[in-house]
N, C-alpha and C. Protein backbone atom coordinates (compact mmCIF):
# COMPACT_ATOMS: atom_id res chain seq x y z
N MET A 1 -16.85 -1.05 4.19
CA MET A 1 -15.81 -0.51 3.34
C MET A 1 -16.38 -0.19 1.96
N ILE A 2 -17.31 -1.01 1.50
CA ILE A 2 -17.92 -0.75 0.20
C ILE A 2 -18.73 0.54 0.23
N VAL A 3 -19.33 0.83 1.40
CA VAL A 3 -20.10 2.07 1.54
C VAL A 3 -19.17 3.28 1.42
N TRP A 4 -18.00 3.19 2.05
CA TRP A 4 -17.05 4.29 1.96
C TRP A 4 -16.58 4.49 0.53
N CYS A 5 -16.32 3.40 -0.17
CA CYS A 5 -15.88 3.50 -1.57
C CYS A 5 -16.98 4.11 -2.44
N MET A 6 -18.22 3.71 -2.21
CA MET A 6 -19.33 4.27 -2.99
C MET A 6 -19.50 5.76 -2.67
N THR A 7 -19.30 6.14 -1.41
CA THR A 7 -19.40 7.55 -1.04
C THR A 7 -18.30 8.37 -1.71
N LEU A 8 -17.08 7.84 -1.72
CA LEU A 8 -15.99 8.53 -2.42
C LEU A 8 -16.29 8.66 -3.91
N PHE A 9 -16.84 7.62 -4.50
CA PHE A 9 -17.19 7.67 -5.91
C PHE A 9 -18.25 8.75 -6.16
N GLY A 10 -19.25 8.81 -5.28
CA GLY A 10 -20.29 9.83 -5.40
C GLY A 10 -19.73 11.24 -5.27
N LEU A 11 -18.81 11.42 -4.31
CA LEU A 11 -18.18 12.73 -4.16
C LEU A 11 -17.35 13.09 -5.38
N GLY A 12 -16.73 12.10 -5.98
CA GLY A 12 -15.97 12.34 -7.20
C GLY A 12 -16.87 12.78 -8.34
N ILE A 13 -18.03 12.14 -8.44
CA ILE A 13 -18.98 12.54 -9.49
C ILE A 13 -19.47 13.97 -9.24
N LEU A 14 -19.77 14.30 -7.98
CA LEU A 14 -20.19 15.66 -7.66
C LEU A 14 -19.08 16.68 -7.96
N ALA A 15 -17.84 16.33 -7.67
CA ALA A 15 -16.73 17.23 -7.97
C ALA A 15 -16.59 17.42 -9.48
N PHE A 16 -16.81 16.35 -10.25
CA PHE A 16 -16.76 16.45 -11.71
C PHE A 16 -17.88 17.36 -12.22
N LEU A 17 -19.08 17.17 -11.66
CA LEU A 17 -20.21 18.01 -12.07
C LEU A 17 -20.01 19.47 -11.64
N ASP A 18 -19.25 19.68 -10.57
CA ASP A 18 -18.97 21.03 -10.11
C ASP A 18 -18.19 21.83 -11.16
N THR A 19 -17.36 21.14 -11.95
CA THR A 19 -16.62 21.86 -12.98
C THR A 19 -17.55 22.40 -14.05
N PHE A 20 -18.70 21.77 -14.27
CA PHE A 20 -19.64 22.24 -15.29
C PHE A 20 -20.68 23.21 -14.72
N PHE A 21 -21.20 22.91 -13.53
CA PHE A 21 -22.32 23.68 -12.99
C PHE A 21 -21.94 24.69 -11.92
N ASN A 22 -20.70 24.65 -11.44
CA ASN A 22 -20.18 25.61 -10.46
C ASN A 22 -21.10 25.72 -9.23
N TYR A 23 -21.06 24.68 -8.38
CA TYR A 23 -21.90 24.64 -7.19
C TYR A 23 -21.52 25.69 -6.15
N GLY A 24 -20.29 26.12 -6.12
CA GLY A 24 -19.90 27.17 -5.20
C GLY A 24 -18.70 26.81 -4.36
N ASP A 25 -18.18 27.82 -3.68
CA ASP A 25 -16.95 27.67 -2.90
C ASP A 25 -17.16 26.79 -1.67
N ILE A 26 -18.32 26.89 -1.02
CA ILE A 26 -18.59 26.09 0.18
C ILE A 26 -18.60 24.61 -0.18
N PHE A 27 -19.20 24.27 -1.32
CA PHE A 27 -19.23 22.87 -1.75
C PHE A 27 -17.82 22.33 -1.93
N ARG A 28 -16.94 23.12 -2.53
CA ARG A 28 -15.56 22.65 -2.76
C ARG A 28 -14.84 22.40 -1.44
N ARG A 29 -15.04 23.27 -0.47
CA ARG A 29 -14.38 23.09 0.83
C ARG A 29 -14.91 21.84 1.54
N VAL A 30 -16.22 21.71 1.57
CA VAL A 30 -16.82 20.55 2.25
C VAL A 30 -16.44 19.27 1.52
N ASN A 31 -16.47 19.30 0.20
CA ASN A 31 -16.13 18.11 -0.59
C ASN A 31 -14.69 17.69 -0.35
N SER A 32 -13.77 18.64 -0.29
CA SER A 32 -12.37 18.29 -0.07
C SER A 32 -12.16 17.71 1.32
N VAL A 33 -12.84 18.26 2.33
CA VAL A 33 -12.73 17.73 3.69
C VAL A 33 -13.30 16.31 3.75
N LEU A 34 -14.44 16.09 3.11
CA LEU A 34 -15.02 14.74 3.10
C LEU A 34 -14.12 13.75 2.38
N PHE A 35 -13.51 14.18 1.27
CA PHE A 35 -12.56 13.32 0.57
C PHE A 35 -11.42 12.91 1.50
N MET A 36 -10.86 13.88 2.22
CA MET A 36 -9.74 13.58 3.11
C MET A 36 -10.14 12.65 4.23
N LEU A 37 -11.29 12.90 4.86
CA LEU A 37 -11.72 12.06 5.98
C LEU A 37 -12.05 10.64 5.53
N LEU A 38 -12.74 10.52 4.41
CA LEU A 38 -13.08 9.18 3.93
C LEU A 38 -11.84 8.41 3.47
N SER A 39 -10.92 9.09 2.82
CA SER A 39 -9.70 8.39 2.40
C SER A 39 -8.86 8.00 3.61
N LEU A 40 -8.84 8.84 4.64
CA LEU A 40 -8.15 8.47 5.88
C LEU A 40 -8.80 7.26 6.52
N GLY A 41 -10.11 7.23 6.54
CA GLY A 41 -10.83 6.07 7.07
C GLY A 41 -10.52 4.81 6.30
N LEU A 42 -10.47 4.90 4.97
CA LEU A 42 -10.13 3.73 4.15
C LEU A 42 -8.70 3.27 4.41
N LEU A 43 -7.78 4.21 4.57
CA LEU A 43 -6.39 3.84 4.86
C LEU A 43 -6.27 3.13 6.20
N VAL A 44 -6.95 3.65 7.22
CA VAL A 44 -6.91 3.03 8.55
C VAL A 44 -7.53 1.64 8.50
N ARG A 45 -8.67 1.53 7.82
CA ARG A 45 -9.35 0.23 7.71
C ARG A 45 -8.47 -0.79 6.98
N THR A 46 -7.83 -0.36 5.90
CA THR A 46 -6.95 -1.26 5.15
C THR A 46 -5.76 -1.69 6.00
N TYR A 47 -5.19 -0.75 6.75
CA TYR A 47 -4.06 -1.07 7.63
C TYR A 47 -4.47 -2.08 8.70
N MET A 48 -5.63 -1.87 9.31
CA MET A 48 -6.10 -2.79 10.34
C MET A 48 -6.38 -4.17 9.78
N MET A 49 -6.93 -4.24 8.58
CA MET A 49 -7.20 -5.53 7.95
C MET A 49 -5.90 -6.27 7.64
N MET A 50 -4.88 -5.54 7.19
CA MET A 50 -3.58 -6.16 6.92
C MET A 50 -2.97 -6.69 8.21
N LYS A 51 -3.09 -5.93 9.28
CA LYS A 51 -2.57 -6.34 10.58
C LYS A 51 -3.29 -7.59 11.08
N LEU A 52 -4.61 -7.60 10.93
CA LEU A 52 -5.42 -8.74 11.35
C LEU A 52 -5.07 -9.98 10.54
N GLN A 53 -4.85 -9.79 9.25
CA GLN A 53 -4.51 -10.91 8.38
C GLN A 53 -3.16 -11.51 8.79
N THR A 54 -2.20 -10.65 9.16
CA THR A 54 -0.89 -11.13 9.61
C THR A 54 -1.04 -11.96 10.88
N LYS A 55 -1.85 -11.47 11.83
CA LYS A 55 -2.07 -12.22 13.07
C LYS A 55 -2.75 -13.55 12.79
N GLU A 56 -3.71 -13.55 11.86
CA GLU A 56 -4.41 -14.78 11.52
C GLU A 56 -3.46 -15.80 10.90
N LYS A 57 -2.55 -15.34 10.06
CA LYS A 57 -1.56 -16.24 9.47
C LYS A 57 -0.67 -16.84 10.55
N LEU A 58 -0.27 -16.01 11.52
CA LEU A 58 0.58 -16.51 12.60
C LEU A 58 -0.13 -17.54 13.45
N VAL A 59 -1.40 -17.31 13.74
CA VAL A 59 -2.19 -18.27 14.53
C VAL A 59 -2.33 -19.58 13.76
N ASN A 60 -2.63 -19.49 12.47
CA ASN A 60 -2.76 -20.70 11.66
C ASN A 60 -1.45 -21.47 11.60
N ARG A 61 -0.34 -20.75 11.46
CA ARG A 61 0.97 -21.41 11.41
C ARG A 61 1.29 -22.06 12.75
N ASN A 62 0.93 -21.39 13.84
CA ASN A 62 1.16 -21.94 15.18
C ASN A 62 0.36 -23.23 15.36
N THR A 63 -0.89 -23.22 14.94
CA THR A 63 -1.73 -24.40 15.04
C THR A 63 -1.15 -25.55 14.21
N GLU A 64 -0.69 -25.21 13.03
CA GLU A 64 -0.09 -26.23 12.16
C GLU A 64 1.15 -26.84 12.79
N LEU A 65 1.99 -26.02 13.39
CA LEU A 65 3.20 -26.53 14.04
C LEU A 65 2.86 -27.36 15.27
N GLU A 66 1.83 -26.97 16.01
CA GLU A 66 1.42 -27.76 17.17
C GLU A 66 0.92 -29.13 16.74
N LYS A 67 0.22 -29.19 15.63
CA LYS A 67 -0.24 -30.48 15.12
C LYS A 67 0.93 -31.35 14.70
N GLN A 68 1.97 -30.71 14.13
CA GLN A 68 3.13 -31.47 13.69
C GLN A 68 3.87 -32.11 14.86
N ILE A 69 3.95 -31.40 15.98
CA ILE A 69 4.66 -31.99 17.13
C ILE A 69 3.75 -32.81 18.01
N GLY A 70 2.44 -32.75 17.76
CA GLY A 70 1.52 -33.64 18.44
C GLY A 70 0.97 -33.13 19.76
N THR A 71 1.16 -31.87 20.08
CA THR A 71 0.64 -31.39 21.36
C THR A 71 -0.79 -30.88 21.25
N SER A 72 -1.21 -30.54 20.06
CA SER A 72 -2.56 -30.03 19.77
C SER A 72 -2.96 -28.89 20.70
N GLY A 73 -2.00 -28.00 20.98
CA GLY A 73 -2.32 -26.81 21.76
C GLY A 73 -2.30 -26.99 23.25
N LYS A 74 -2.06 -28.20 23.77
CA LYS A 74 -2.04 -28.43 25.21
C LYS A 74 -0.59 -28.67 25.64
N THR A 75 -0.24 -28.12 26.75
CA THR A 75 1.10 -28.36 27.27
C THR A 75 1.06 -29.63 28.11
N ARG A 76 2.05 -30.43 27.90
CA ARG A 76 2.11 -31.69 28.67
C ARG A 76 2.79 -31.41 30.00
N GLN A 77 2.18 -31.89 31.03
CA GLN A 77 2.79 -31.77 32.36
C GLN A 77 3.12 -33.17 32.86
N GLU A 78 4.38 -33.34 33.18
CA GLU A 78 4.80 -34.65 33.68
C GLU A 78 4.50 -34.74 35.17
N GLU A 79 4.10 -35.92 35.58
CA GLU A 79 3.82 -36.11 37.00
C GLU A 79 5.15 -36.24 37.74
N PRO A 80 5.21 -35.66 38.91
CA PRO A 80 6.48 -35.75 39.67
C PRO A 80 6.72 -37.19 40.14
N GLU A 81 7.98 -37.54 40.16
CA GLU A 81 8.34 -38.89 40.61
C GLU A 81 8.34 -38.93 42.13
N LEU A 82 7.87 -40.04 42.64
CA LEU A 82 7.89 -40.23 44.09
C LEU A 82 9.28 -40.67 44.52
N VAL A 83 9.78 -40.04 45.54
CA VAL A 83 11.09 -40.40 46.05
C VAL A 83 10.89 -41.37 47.21
N ARG A 84 11.58 -42.53 47.19
CA ARG A 84 11.43 -43.53 48.25
C ARG A 84 12.69 -43.70 49.00
């Protein structure tokens, strides 16, 4: 993720320099497409990390509740009674 952020920063610097040195129309098109793709990648990555964090919180809460009731993640099975 840090690589994507550094790439976006670099593209931003190039876009800023484009205002002074006028790199050309092709550069602007390619730069805008790269900006969109990288920002989309960052959005997807951030969304997935938030989703993963939510699942991790639920697993931790589940483990905590299991410890409170004393099952420690194992289901207790009662032995059947013998009928005489």
